């Protein structure tokens, strides 16, 4: 997903390089980074906390992609595919968080 967002946002207007482009890229990188950090903490409560942060970043990215669609930035088909992938990620992360919480 990180690669997809970087490729997609490369076609967004250069005027957005410090705005929407930068924000979308930070949000998408934050998802796996938070999951990795949580896993590295060595405790279930920390893993859950960081996975919730990852989920927040995924929702932020979802909003930013919808904005890009509305503003007609980039390839609408690629953006729609990313949004579908994000919906799948929301479900998976929520199930993972719920599972981890049952282990507490």
Protein backbone atom coordinates (compact mmCIF):
# COMPACT_ATOMS: atom_id res chain seq x y z
CA UNK A 1 0.00 0.00 0.00
CA UNK A 2 2.91 2.35 0.71
CA UNK A 3 4.21 1.88 -2.81
CA UNK A 4 0.74 2.39 -4.29
CA UNK A 5 0.26 5.71 -2.47
CA UNK A 6 3.70 6.94 -3.46
CA UNK A 7 3.06 6.08 -7.12
CA UNK A 8 -0.44 7.56 -7.10
CA UNK A 9 0.55 10.77 -5.34
CA UNK A 10 3.45 11.33 -7.73
CA UNK A 11 0.83 12.42 -10.27
CA UNK A 12 -0.85 14.90 -7.92
CA UNK A 13 -0.22 18.62 -8.54
CA UNK A 14 3.24 19.83 -7.56
CA UNK A 15 1.54 22.56 -5.51
CA UNK A 16 0.41 19.77 -3.15
CA UNK A 17 3.91 18.43 -2.46
CA UNK A 18 3.92 20.00 1.02
CA UNK A 19 0.20 19.55 1.54
CA UNK A 20 -1.96 16.60 0.57
CA UNK A 21 0.89 14.60 -0.99
CA UNK A 22 3.11 14.84 2.07
CA UNK A 23 0.26 14.13 4.46
CA UNK A 24 -0.94 11.05 2.53
CA UNK A 25 2.59 9.67 2.35
CA UNK A 26 3.18 10.20 6.07
CA UNK A 27 -0.14 8.54 6.90
CA UNK A 28 0.50 5.45 4.77
CA UNK A 29 4.03 4.99 6.13
CA UNK A 30 2.70 5.36 9.66
CA UNK A 31 0.48 2.27 9.34
CA UNK A 32 3.17 -0.44 9.10
CA UNK A 33 5.59 1.58 11.23
CA UNK A 34 3.12 1.67 14.14
CA UNK A 35 2.34 -2.03 13.81
CA UNK A 36 6.06 -2.86 13.82
CA UNK A 37 6.74 -0.62 16.80
CA UNK A 38 3.86 -2.14 18.75
CA UNK A 39 5.07 -5.66 17.99
CA UNK A 40 8.54 -4.72 19.12
CA UNK A 41 7.35 -3.46 22.49
CA UNK A 42 6.86 -7.01 23.73
CA UNK A 43 3.50 -6.63 25.42
CA UNK A 44 -0.05 -7.11 24.22
CA UNK A 45 -1.32 -3.78 25.62
CA UNK A 46 1.43 -1.91 23.76
CA UNK A 47 0.74 -3.87 20.58
CA UNK A 48 -2.95 -2.99 20.80
CA UNK A 49 -2.18 0.67 21.49
CA UNK A 50 0.12 0.97 18.46
CA UNK A 51 -2.30 -0.98 16.25
CA UNK A 52 -4.98 1.55 17.19
CA UNK A 53 -2.58 4.30 16.10
CA UNK A 54 -2.03 2.44 12.83
CA UNK A 55 -5.79 2.24 12.38
CA UNK A 56 -6.06 5.99 12.97
CA UNK A 57 -3.45 6.62 10.29
CA UNK A 58 -5.32 4.33 7.90
CA UNK A 59 -8.52 6.31 8.49
CA UNK A 60 -6.60 9.53 7.91
CA UNK A 61 -5.32 8.14 4.61
CA UNK A 62 -8.87 7.12 3.69
CA UNK A 63 -10.01 10.72 4.14
CA UNK A 64 -7.07 12.10 2.17
CA UNK A 65 -7.73 9.73 -0.73
CA UNK A 66 -11.37 10.78 -0.80
CA UNK A 67 -10.22 14.40 -0.92
CA UNK A 68 -7.89 13.59 -3.81
CA UNK A 69 -10.78 11.95 -5.65
CA UNK A 70 -13.01 14.96 -5.02
CA UNK A 71 -10.28 17.32 -6.21
CA UNK A 72 -9.72 15.07 -9.25
CA UNK A 73 -6.08 14.38 -8.45
CA UNK A 74 -4.43 11.33 -9.97
CA UNK A 75 -5.97 8.21 -11.44
CA UNK A 76 -9.51 7.72 -10.07
CA UNK A 77 -9.39 3.97 -10.74
CA UNK A 78 -6.15 3.54 -8.77
CA UNK A 79 -7.55 5.66 -5.94
CA UNK A 80 -10.73 3.57 -5.82
CA UNK A 81 -8.64 0.39 -5.69
CA UNK A 82 -6.65 1.83 -2.78
CA UNK A 83 -9.85 2.73 -0.96
CA UNK A 84 -11.07 -0.86 -1.37
CA UNK A 85 -7.73 -2.13 -0.04
CA UNK A 86 -8.04 0.23 2.92
CA UNK A 87 -11.51 -1.09 3.74
CA UNK A 88 -10.01 -4.59 3.87
CA UNK A 89 -7.20 -3.31 6.09
CA UNK A 90 -9.70 -1.71 8.50
CA UNK A 91 -11.45 -5.05 8.93
CA UNK A 92 -8.25 -7.00 9.39
CA UNK A 93 -6.74 -4.58 11.87
CA UNK A 94 -9.95 -4.39 13.88
CA UNK A 95 -10.14 -8.20 14.03
CA UNK A 96 -6.47 -8.37 15.04
CA UNK A 97 -6.99 -5.79 17.79
CA UNK A 98 -10.08 -7.63 19.05
CA UNK A 99 -8.17 -10.92 19.08
CA UNK A 100 -5.25 -9.39 20.99
CA UNK A 101 -7.63 -7.86 23.53
CA UNK A 102 -9.06 -11.32 24.26
CA UNK A 103 -5.54 -12.41 25.21
CA UNK A 104 -5.23 -9.80 27.96
